[in-house]
Amino acid sequence: MAKSTYIAHYRSPANEAPTKGFFEFESAYRASSKQNAHDARVRMLETFGKQAVSWVIDDVQLKQKKAPVCTEQLEMDFRTPKAPRKSPKPKKYW
């Protein structure tokens, strides 16, 4: 299986110093599956240590790949637009 990069958003319980944030992790499972959530949880605990035990993962999303930058000359189309297609008239048999 090919691994994909995901972004997980987490939050801490409402205490005197609430924490919110996100981190990246890799998983071979589909987004929003139990295995994917488990991989996110393990990665969060590896990254933040025992202070993250009470934190909750709110959302897991697939990381979007950046769009390539256009380095070529753009083309303009000066052709006349095509006429819209007309649907045939229905035949009425009386």
PDB file of N, CA and C in Angstrom:
ATOM      1  N   MET A   1       0.836  -1.182   0.000  1.00  0.00           N
ATOM      2  CA  MET A   1       0.000   0.000   0.000  1.00  0.00           C
ATOM      3  C   MET A   1       0.881   1.246   0.000  1.00  0.00           C
ATOM      4  N   ALA A   2       0.458   2.235  -0.743  1.00  0.00           N
ATOM      5  CA  ALA A   2       1.179   3.501  -0.780  1.00  0.00           C
ATOM      6  C   ALA A   2       0.710   4.370   0.383  1.00  0.00           C
ATOM      7  N   LYS A   3       1.661   4.981   1.037  1.00  0.00           N
ATOM      8  CA  LYS A   3       1.309   5.848   2.161  1.00  0.00           C
ATOM      9  C   LYS A   3       0.979   7.239   1.649  1.00  0.00           C
ATOM     10  N   SER A   4      -0.011   7.848   2.268  1.00  0.00           N
ATOM     11  CA  SER A   4      -0.413   9.211   1.942  1.00  0.00           C
ATOM     12  C   SER A   4      -0.149  10.098   3.151  1.00  0.00           C
ATOM     13  N   THR A   5       0.011  11.378   2.894  1.00  0.00           N
ATOM     14  CA  THR A   5       0.239  12.334   3.971  1.00  0.00           C
ATOM     15  C   THR A   5      -1.086  12.965   4.358  1.00  0.00           C
ATOM     16  N   TYR A   6      -1.353  12.999   5.651  1.00  0.00           N
ATOM     17  CA  TYR A   6      -2.583  13.555   6.196  1.00  0.00           C
ATOM     18  C   TYR A   6      -2.255  14.675   7.169  1.00  0.00           C
ATOM     19  N   ILE A   7      -3.229  15.535   7.421  1.00  0.00           N
ATOM     20  CA  ILE A   7      -3.111  16.588   8.427  1.00  0.00           C
ATOM     21  C   ILE A   7      -4.192  16.344   9.468  1.00  0.00           C
ATOM     22  N   ALA A   8      -3.782  16.262  10.729  1.00  0.00           N
ATOM     23  CA  ALA A   8      -4.715  16.026  11.834  1.00  0.00           C
ATOM     24  C   ALA A   8      -4.791  17.281  12.696  1.00  0.00           C
ATOM     25  N   HIS A   9      -6.003  17.693  13.035  1.00  0.00           N
ATOM     26  CA  HIS A   9      -6.236  18.843  13.907  1.00  0.00           C
ATOM     27  C   HIS A   9      -6.592  18.321  15.302  1.00  0.00           C
ATOM     28  N   TYR A  10      -5.937  18.865  16.314  1.00  0.00           N
ATOM     29  CA  TYR A  10      -6.167  18.397  17.682  1.00  0.00           C
ATOM     30  C   TYR A  10      -6.531  19.578  18.573  1.00  0.00           C
ATOM     31  N   ARG A  11      -7.077  19.242  19.752  1.00  0.00           N
ATOM     32  CA  ARG A  11      -7.364  20.244  20.777  1.00  0.00           C
ATOM     33  C   ARG A  11      -7.235  19.594  22.145  1.00  0.00           C
ATOM     34  N   SER A  12      -6.927  20.415  23.120  1.00  0.00           N
ATOM     35  CA  SER A  12      -6.823  19.913  24.487  1.00  0.00           C
ATOM     36  C   SER A  12      -8.129  20.212  25.213  1.00  0.00           C
ATOM     37  N   PRO A  13      -8.344  19.580  26.361  1.00  0.00           N
ATOM     38  CA  PRO A  13      -9.558  19.882  27.127  1.00  0.00           C
ATOM     39  C   PRO A  13      -9.549  21.346  27.574  1.00  0.00           C
ATOM     40  N   ALA A  14     -10.738  21.868  27.872  1.00  0.00           N
ATOM     41  CA  ALA A  14     -10.857  23.266  28.300  1.00  0.00           C
ATOM     42  C   ALA A  14     -10.337  23.379  29.731  1.00  0.00           C
ATOM     43  N   ASN A  15      -9.097  23.785  29.881  1.00  0.00           N
ATOM     44  CA  ASN A  15      -8.502  24.009  31.196  1.00  0.00           C
ATOM     45  C   ASN A  15      -7.911  25.411  31.204  1.00  0.00           C
ATOM     46  N   GLU A  16      -6.973  25.694  32.084  1.00  0.00           N
ATOM     47  CA  GLU A  16      -6.443  27.052  32.158  1.00  0.00           C
ATOM     48  C   GLU A  16      -5.607  27.435  30.940  1.00  0.00           C
ATOM     49  N   ALA A  17      -5.055  26.455  30.229  1.00  0.00           N
ATOM     50  CA  ALA A  17      -4.245  26.751  29.041  1.00  0.00           C
ATOM     51  C   ALA A  17      -4.648  25.814  27.900  1.00  0.00           C
ATOM     52  N   PRO A  18      -5.801  26.084  27.245  1.00  0.00           N
ATOM     53  CA  PRO A  18      -6.215  25.196  26.149  1.00  0.00           C
ATOM     54  C   PRO A  18      -5.258  25.301  24.955  1.00  0.00           C
ATOM     55  N   THR A  19      -5.083  24.186  24.273  1.00  0.00           N
ATOM     56  CA  THR A  19      -4.165  24.119  23.150  1.00  0.00           C
ATOM     57  C   THR A  19      -4.908  23.621  21.924  1.00  0.00           C
ATOM     58  N   LYS A  20      -4.650  24.250  20.786  1.00  0.00           N
ATOM     59  CA  LYS A  20      -5.174  23.793  19.510  1.00  0.00           C
ATOM     60  C   LYS A  20      -4.025  23.792  18.521  1.00  0.00           C
ATOM     61  N   GLY A  21      -4.102  22.909  17.541  1.00  0.00           N
ATOM     62  CA  GLY A  21      -3.046  22.877  16.540  1.00  0.00           C
ATOM     63  C   GLY A  21      -3.273  21.764  15.547  1.00  0.00           C
ATOM     64  N   PHE A  22      -2.247  21.535  14.732  1.00  0.00           N
ATOM     65  CA  PHE A  22      -2.311  20.463  13.750  1.00  0.00           C
ATOM     66  C   PHE A  22      -0.914  19.912  13.523  1.00  0.00           C
ATOM     67  N   PHE A  23      -0.859  18.729  12.962  1.00  0.00           N
ATOM     68  CA  PHE A  23       0.415  18.096  12.630  1.00  0.00           C
ATOM     69  C   PHE A  23       0.202  17.190  11.433  1.00  0.00           C
ATOM     70  N   GLU A  24       1.296  16.853  10.774  1.00  0.00           N
ATOM     71  CA  GLU A  24       1.250  15.979   9.602  1.00  0.00           C
ATOM     72  C   GLU A  24       1.692  14.576  10.005  1.00  0.00           C
ATOM     73  N   PHE A  25       1.109  13.592   9.358  1.00  0.00           N
ATOM     74  CA  PHE A  25       1.526  12.216   9.572  1.00  0.00           C
ATOM     75  C   PHE A  25       1.249  11.414   8.312  1.00  0.00           C
ATOM     76  N   GLU A  26       1.872  10.264   8.213  1.00  0.00           N
ATOM     77  CA  GLU A  26       1.673   9.377   7.069  1.00  0.00           C
ATOM     78  C   GLU A  26       0.912   8.141   7.506  1.00  0.00           C
ATOM     79  N   SER A  27       0.022   7.693   6.628  1.00  0.00           N
ATOM     80  CA  SER A  27      -0.758   6.505   6.910  1.00  0.00           C
ATOM     81  C   SER A  27      -1.072   5.800   5.605  1.00  0.00           C
ATOM     82  N   ALA A  28      -1.177   4.480   5.670  1.00  0.00           N
ATOM     83  CA  ALA A  28      -1.500   3.698   4.484  1.00  0.00           C
ATOM     84  C   ALA A  28      -3.000   3.446   4.381  1.00  0.00           C
ATOM     85  N   TYR A  29      -3.761   3.922   5.356  1.00  0.00           N
ATOM     86  CA  TYR A  29      -5.192   3.654   5.389  1.00  0.00           C
ATOM     87  C   TYR A  29      -5.995   4.856   4.897  1.00  0.00           C
ATOM     88  N   ARG A  30      -7.264   4.597   4.574  1.00  0.00           N
ATOM     89  CA  ARG A  30      -8.165   5.650   4.090  1.00  0.00           C
ATOM     90  C   ARG A  30      -8.407   6.694   5.167  1.00  0.00           C
ATOM     91  N   ALA A  31      -8.727   7.920   4.728  1.00  0.00           N
ATOM     92  CA  ALA A  31      -9.070   8.978   5.672  1.00  0.00           C
ATOM     93  C   ALA A  31     -10.367   8.602   6.395  1.00  0.00           C
ATOM     94  N   SER A  32     -10.469   8.977   7.640  1.00  0.00           N
ATOM     95  CA  SER A  32     -11.636   8.738   8.500  1.00  0.00           C
ATOM     96  C   SER A  32     -11.868   7.271   8.829  1.00  0.00           C
ATOM     97  N   SER A  33     -10.872   6.425   8.667  1.00  0.00           N
ATOM     98  CA  SER A  33     -11.012   5.034   9.088  1.00  0.00           C
ATOM     99  C   SER A  33     -10.416   4.891  10.494  1.00  0.00           C
ATOM    100  N   LYS A  34     -10.734   3.803  11.158  1.00  0.00           N
ATOM    101  CA  LYS A  34     -10.221   3.581  12.514  1.00  0.00           C
ATOM    102  C   LYS A  34      -8.703   3.437  12.509  1.00  0.00           C
ATOM    103  N   GLN A  35      -8.166   2.754  11.502  1.00  0.00           N
ATOM    104  CA  GLN A  35      -6.718   2.565  11.419  1.00  0.00           C
ATOM    105  C   GLN A  35      -6.007   3.901  11.192  1.00  0.00           C
ATOM    106  N   ASN A  36      -6.624   4.777  10.389  1.00  0.00           N
ATOM    107  CA  ASN A  36      -6.044   6.084  10.132  1.00  0.00           C
ATOM    108  C   ASN A  36      -6.059   6.934  11.396  1.00  0.00           C
ATOM    109  N   ALA A  37      -7.148   6.901  12.138  1.00  0.00           N
ATOM    110  CA  ALA A  37      -7.236   7.645  13.394  1.00  0.00           C
ATOM    111  C   ALA A  37      -6.224   7.110  14.411  1.00  0.00           C
ATOM    112  N   HIS A  38      -6.006   5.806  14.398  1.00  0.00           N
ATOM    113  CA  HIS A  38      -5.014   5.209  15.296  1.00  0.00           C
ATOM    114  C   HIS A  38      -3.610   5.687  14.937  1.00  0.00           C
ATOM    115  N   ASP A  39      -3.288   5.724  13.635  1.00  0.00           N
ATOM    116  CA  ASP A  39      -1.981   6.215  13.203  1.00  0.00           C
ATOM    117  C   ASP A  39      -1.785   7.678  13.613  1.00  0.00           C
ATOM    118  N   ALA A  40      -2.858   8.487  13.515  1.00  0.00           N
ATOM    119  CA  ALA A  40      -2.784   9.898  13.910  1.00  0.00           C
ATOM    120  C   ALA A  40      -2.534  10.011  15.411  1.00  0.00           C
ATOM    121  N   ARG A  41      -3.225   9.204  16.187  1.00  0.00           N
ATOM    122  CA  ARG A  41      -3.077   9.246  17.650  1.00  0.00           C
ATOM    123  C   ARG A  41      -1.661   8.852  18.065  1.00  0.00           C
ATOM    124  N   VAL A  42      -1.137   7.801  17.449  1.00  0.00           N
ATOM    125  CA  VAL A  42       0.217   7.346  17.784  1.00  0.00           C
ATOM    126  C   VAL A  42       1.233   8.428  17.423  1.00  0.00           C
ATOM    127  N   ARG A  43       1.080   9.033  16.260  1.00  0.00           N
ATOM    128  CA  ARG A  43       2.014  10.084  15.826  1.00  0.00           C
ATOM    129  C   ARG A  43       1.931  11.294  16.762  1.00  0.00           C
ATOM    130  N   MET A  44       0.721  11.647  17.222  1.00  0.00           N
ATOM    131  CA  MET A  44       0.570  12.769  18.142  1.00  0.00           C
ATOM    132  C   MET A  44       1.283  12.482  19.462  1.00  0.00           C
ATOM    133  N   LEU A  45       1.146  11.263  19.966  1.00  0.00           N
ATOM    134  CA  LEU A  45       1.810  10.914  21.224  1.00  0.00           C
ATOM    135  C   LEU A  45       3.321  10.868  21.064  1.00  0.00           C
ATOM    136  N   GLU A  46       3.808  10.425  19.887  1.00  0.00           N
ATOM    137  CA  GLU A  46       5.250  10.426  19.639  1.00  0.00           C
ATOM    138  C   GLU A  46       5.795  11.849  19.585  1.00  0.00           C
ATOM    139  N   THR A  47       5.027  12.743  19.003  1.00  0.00           N
ATOM    140  CA  THR A  47       5.490  14.118  18.812  1.00  0.00           C
ATOM    141  C   THR A  47       5.425  14.939  20.097  1.00  0.00           C
ATOM    142  N   PHE A  48       4.298  14.888  20.805  1.00  0.00           N
ATOM    143  CA  PHE A  48       4.085  15.772  21.940  1.00  0.00           C
ATOM    144  C   PHE A  48       4.290  15.106  23.292  1.00  0.00           C
ATOM    145  N   GLY A  49       4.434  13.810  23.332  1.00  0.00           N
ATOM    146  CA  GLY A  49       4.724  13.121  24.580  1.00  0.00           C
ATOM    147  C   GLY A  49       3.512  12.931  25.470  1.00  0.00           C
ATOM    148  N   LYS A  50       3.773  12.777  26.787  1.00  0.00           N
ATOM    149  CA  LYS A  50       2.691  12.427  27.709  1.00  0.00           C
ATOM    150  C   LYS A  50       1.722  13.572  27.971  1.00  0.00           C
ATOM    151  N   GLN A  51       2.077  14.799  27.633  1.00  0.00           N
ATOM    152  CA  GLN A  51       1.122  15.905  27.812  1.00  0.00           C
ATOM    153  C   GLN A  51      -0.049  15.800  26.834  1.00  0.00           C
ATOM    154  N   ALA A  52       0.118  15.027  25.754  1.00  0.00           N
ATOM    155  CA  ALA A  52      -0.925  14.903  24.738  1.00  0.00           C
ATOM    156  C   ALA A  52      -1.880  13.743  25.002  1.00  0.00           C
ATOM    157  N   VAL A  53      -1.768  13.069  26.126  1.00  0.00           N
ATOM    158  CA  VAL A  53      -2.622  11.915  26.410  1.00  0.00           C
ATOM    159  C   VAL A  53      -4.089  12.316  26.477  1.00  0.00           C
ATOM    160  N   SER A  54      -4.392  13.478  27.026  1.00  0.00           N
ATOM    161  CA  SER A  54      -5.784  13.904  27.173  1.00  0.00           C
ATOM    162  C   SER A  54      -6.294  14.695  25.964  1.00  0.00           C
ATOM    163  N   TRP A  55      -5.456  14.934  24.967  1.00  0.00           N
ATOM    164  CA  TRP A  55      -5.872  15.688  23.793  1.00  0.00           C
ATOM    165  C   TRP A  55      -6.758  14.845  22.891  1.00  0.00           C
ATOM    166  N   VAL A  56      -7.600  15.516  22.102  1.00  0.00           N
ATOM    167  CA  VAL A  56      -8.550  14.852  21.214  1.00  0.00           C
ATOM    168  C   VAL A  56      -8.252  15.282  19.780  1.00  0.00           C
ATOM    169  N   ILE A  57      -8.295  14.317  18.862  1.00  0.00           N
ATOM    170  CA  ILE A  57      -8.118  14.628  17.444  1.00  0.00           C
ATOM    171  C   ILE A  57      -9.497  14.922  16.869  1.00  0.00           C
ATOM    172  N   ASP A  58      -9.680  16.163  16.392  1.00  0.00           N
ATOM    173  CA  ASP A  58     -10.970  16.604  15.859  1.00  0.00           C
ATOM    174  C   ASP A  58     -11.197  16.169  14.425  1.00  0.00           C
ATOM    175  N   ASP A  59     -10.182  16.348  13.581  1.00  0.00           N
ATOM    176  CA  ASP A  59     -10.381  16.173  12.150  1.00  0.00           C
ATOM    177  C   ASP A  59      -9.104  15.658  11.518  1.00  0.00           C
ATOM    178  N   VAL A  60      -9.263  14.763  10.543  1.00  0.00           N
ATOM    179  CA  VAL A  60      -8.142  14.257   9.759  1.00  0.00           C
ATOM    180  C   VAL A  60      -8.474  14.475   8.298  1.00  0.00           C
ATOM    181  N   GLN A  61      -7.584  15.184   7.587  1.00  0.00           N
ATOM    182  CA  GLN A  61      -7.802  15.494   6.181  1.00  0.00           C
ATOM    183  C   GLN A  61      -6.583  15.090   5.369  1.00  0.00           C
ATOM    184  N   LEU A  62      -6.823  14.761   4.121  1.00  0.00           N
ATOM    185  CA  LEU A  62      -5.749  14.462   3.186  1.00  0.00           C
ATOM    186  C   LEU A  62      -5.024  15.752   2.857  1.00  0.00           C
ATOM    187  N   LYS A  63      -3.698  15.723   2.892  1.00  0.00           N
ATOM    188  CA  LYS A  63      -2.928  16.921   2.591  1.00  0.00           C
ATOM    189  C   LYS A  63      -3.018  17.204   1.098  1.00  0.00           C
ATOM    190  N   GLN A  64      -3.362  18.440   0.757  1.00  0.00           N
ATOM    191  CA  GLN A  64      -3.500  18.835  -0.639  1.00  0.00           C
ATOM    192  C   GLN A  64      -2.115  19.079  -1.233  1.00  0.00           C
ATOM    193  N   LYS A  65      -1.961  18.604  -2.448  1.00  0.00           N
ATOM    194  CA  LYS A  65      -0.709  18.839  -3.148  1.00  0.00           C
ATOM    195  C   LYS A  65      -0.771  20.214  -3.796  1.00  0.00           C
ATOM    196  N   LYS A  66       0.362  20.895  -3.830  1.00  0.00           N
ATOM    197  CA  LYS A  66       0.400  22.230  -4.394  1.00  0.00           C
ATOM    198  C   LYS A  66       0.230  22.160  -5.906  1.00  0.00           C
ATOM    199  N   ALA A  67      -0.489  23.127  -6.443  1.00  0.00           N
ATOM    200  CA  ALA A  67      -0.695  23.197  -7.885  1.00  0.00           C
ATOM    201  C   ALA A  67       0.604  23.649  -8.548  1.00  0.00           C
ATOM    202  N   PRO A  68       0.932  23.080  -9.697  1.00  0.00           N
ATOM    203  CA  PRO A  68       2.168  23.482 -10.366  1.00  0.00           C
ATOM    204  C   PRO A  68       2.067  24.922 -10.866  1.00  0.00           C
ATOM    205  N   VAL A  69       3.177  25.618 -10.819  1.00  0.00           N
ATOM    206  CA  VAL A  69       3.225  26.996 -11.275  1.00  0.00           C
ATOM    207  C   VAL A  69       3.340  26.996 -12.794  1.00  0.00           C
ATOM    208  N   CYS A  70       2.543  27.810 -13.443  1.00  0.00           N
ATOM    209  CA  CYS A  70       2.548  27.889 -14.902  1.00  0.00           C
ATOM    210  C   CYS A  70       3.764  28.695 -15.346  1.00  0.00           C
ATOM    211  N   THR A  71       4.663  28.074 -16.064  1.00  0.00           N
ATOM    212  CA  THR A  71       5.864  28.760 -16.532  1.00  0.00           C
ATOM    213  C   THR A  71       5.829  29.008 -18.024  1.00  0.00           C
ATOM    214  N   GLU A  72       4.787  28.556 -18.695  1.00  0.00           N
ATOM    215  CA  GLU A  72       4.702  28.709 -20.137  1.00  0.00           C
ATOM    216  C   GLU A  72       3.788  29.869 -20.505  1.00  0.00           C
ATOM    217  N   GLN A  73       3.879  30.274 -21.754  1.00  0.00           N
ATOM    218  CA  GLN A  73       3.023  31.337 -22.270  1.00  0.00           C
ATOM    219  C   GLN A  73       1.577  30.841 -22.315  1.00  0.00           C
ATOM    220  N   LEU A  74       0.652  31.645 -21.836  1.00  0.00           N
ATOM    221  CA  LEU A  74      -0.750  31.285 -21.900  1.00  0.00           C
ATOM    222  C   LEU A  74      -1.269  31.524 -23.305  1.00  0.00           C
ATOM    223  N   GLU A  75      -2.240  30.741 -23.723  1.00  0.00           N
ATOM    224  CA  GLU A  75      -2.795  30.867 -25.058  1.00  0.00           C
ATOM    225  C   GLU A  75      -4.167  31.503 -24.987  1.00  0.00           C
ATOM    226  N   MET A  76      -4.463  32.320 -25.981  1.00  0.00           N
ATOM    227  CA  MET A  76      -5.788  32.938 -26.071  1.00  0.00           C
ATOM    228  C   MET A  76      -6.505  32.332 -27.259  1.00  0.00           C
ATOM    229  N   ASP A  77      -7.790  32.126 -27.118  1.00  0.00           N
ATOM    230  CA  ASP A  77      -8.599  31.505 -28.158  1.00  0.00           C
ATOM    231  C   ASP A  77      -9.525  32.557 -28.756  1.00  0.00           C
ATOM    232  N   PHE A  78      -9.279  32.931 -30.038  1.00  0.00           N
ATOM    233  CA  PHE A  78     -10.079  33.956 -30.692  1.00  0.00           C
ATOM    234  C   PHE A  78     -11.131  33.368 -31.626  1.00  0.00           C
ATOM    235  N   ARG A  79     -11.330  32.079 -31.576  1.00  0.00           N
ATOM    236  CA  ARG A  79     -12.344  31.469 -32.429  1.00  0.00           C
ATOM    237  C   ARG A  79     -13.732  31.877 -31.968  1.00  0.00           C
ATOM    238  N   THR A  80     -14.663  31.881 -32.887  1.00  0.00           N
ATOM    239  CA  THR A  80     -16.042  32.192 -32.508  1.00  0.00           C
ATOM    240  C   THR A  80     -16.613  31.013 -31.736  1.00  0.00           C
ATOM    241  N   PRO A  81     -17.390  31.283 -30.716  1.00  0.00           N
ATOM    242  CA  PRO A  81     -17.930  30.171 -29.928  1.00  0.00           C
ATOM    243  C   PRO A  81     -18.942  29.366 -30.742  1.00  0.00           C
ATOM    244  N   LYS A  82     -19.026  28.103 -30.434  1.00  0.00           N
ATOM    245  CA  LYS A  82     -19.974  27.227 -31.122  1.00  0.00           C
ATOM    246  C   LYS A  82     -21.389  27.571 -30.695  1.00  0.00           C
ATOM    247  N   ALA A  83     -22.298  27.426 -31.625  1.00  0.00           N
ATOM    248  CA  ALA A  83     -23.702  27.672 -31.319  1.00  0.00           C
ATOM    249  C   ALA A  83     -24.222  26.563 -30.412  1.00  0.00           C
ATOM    250  N   PRO A  84     -25.107  26.899 -29.476  1.00  0.00           N
ATOM    251  CA  PRO A  84     -25.628  25.847 -28.595  1.00  0.00           C
ATOM    252  C   PRO A  84     -26.468  24.853 -29.385  1.00  0.00           C
ATOM    253  N   ARG A  85     -26.403  23.615 -28.964  1.00  0.00           N
ATOM    254  CA  ARG A  85     -27.166  22.563 -29.637  1.00  0.00           C
ATOM    255  C   ARG A  85     -28.643  22.705 -29.326  1.00  0.00           C
ATOM    256  N   LYS A  86     -29.426  22.512 -30.355  1.00  0.00           N
ATOM    257  CA  LYS A  86     -30.871  22.587 -30.173  1.00  0.00           C
ATOM    258  C   LYS A  86     -31.419  21.174 -30.086  1.00  0.00           C
ATOM    259  N   SER A  87     -32.315  20.996 -29.146  1.00  0.00           N
ATOM    260  CA  SER A  87     -32.916  19.672 -29.024  1.00  0.00           C
ATOM    261  C   SER A  87     -34.060  19.563 -30.033  1.00  0.00           C
ATOM    262  N   PRO A  88     -34.273  18.397 -30.565  1.00  0.00           N
ATOM    263  CA  PRO A  88     -35.350  18.243 -31.550  1.00  0.00           C
ATOM    264  C   PRO A  88     -36.708  18.452 -30.885  1.00  0.00           C
ATOM    265  N   LYS A  89     -37.651  18.964 -31.671  1.00  0.00           N
ATOM    266  CA  LYS A  89     -38.999  19.187 -31.156  1.00  0.00           C
ATOM    267  C   LYS A  89     -39.681  17.845 -30.973  1.00  0.00           C
ATOM    268  N   PRO A  90     -40.397  17.690 -29.877  1.00  0.00           N
ATOM    269  CA  PRO A  90     -41.088  16.403 -29.678  1.00  0.00           C
ATOM    270  C   PRO A  90     -42.236  16.238 -30.684  1.00  0.00           C
ATOM    271  N   LYS A  91     -42.380  15.048 -31.158  1.00  0.00           N
ATOM    272  CA  LYS A  91     -43.456  14.755 -32.102  1.00  0.00           C
ATOM    273  C   LYS A  91     -44.717  14.371 -31.321  1.00  0.00           C
ATOM    274  N   LYS A  92     -45.804  14.983 -31.697  1.00  0.00           N
ATOM    275  CA  LYS A  92     -47.057  14.680 -31.028  1.00  0.00           C
ATOM    276  C   LYS A  92     -47.947  13.929 -32.001  1.00  0.00           C
ATOM    277  N   TYR A  93     -48.358  12.785 -31.586  1.00  0.00           N
ATOM    278  CA  TYR A  93     -49.248  11.965 -32.409  1.00  0.00           C
ATOM    279  C   TYR A  93     -50.634  12.040 -31.816  1.00  0.00           C
ATOM    280  N   TRP A  94     -51.579  12.689 -32.540  1.00  0.00           N
ATOM    281  CA  TRP A  94     -52.959  12.796 -32.066  1.00  0.00           C
ATOM    282  C   TRP A  94     -53.871  12.019 -32.920  1.00  0.00           C
TER     283      TRP A  94
END
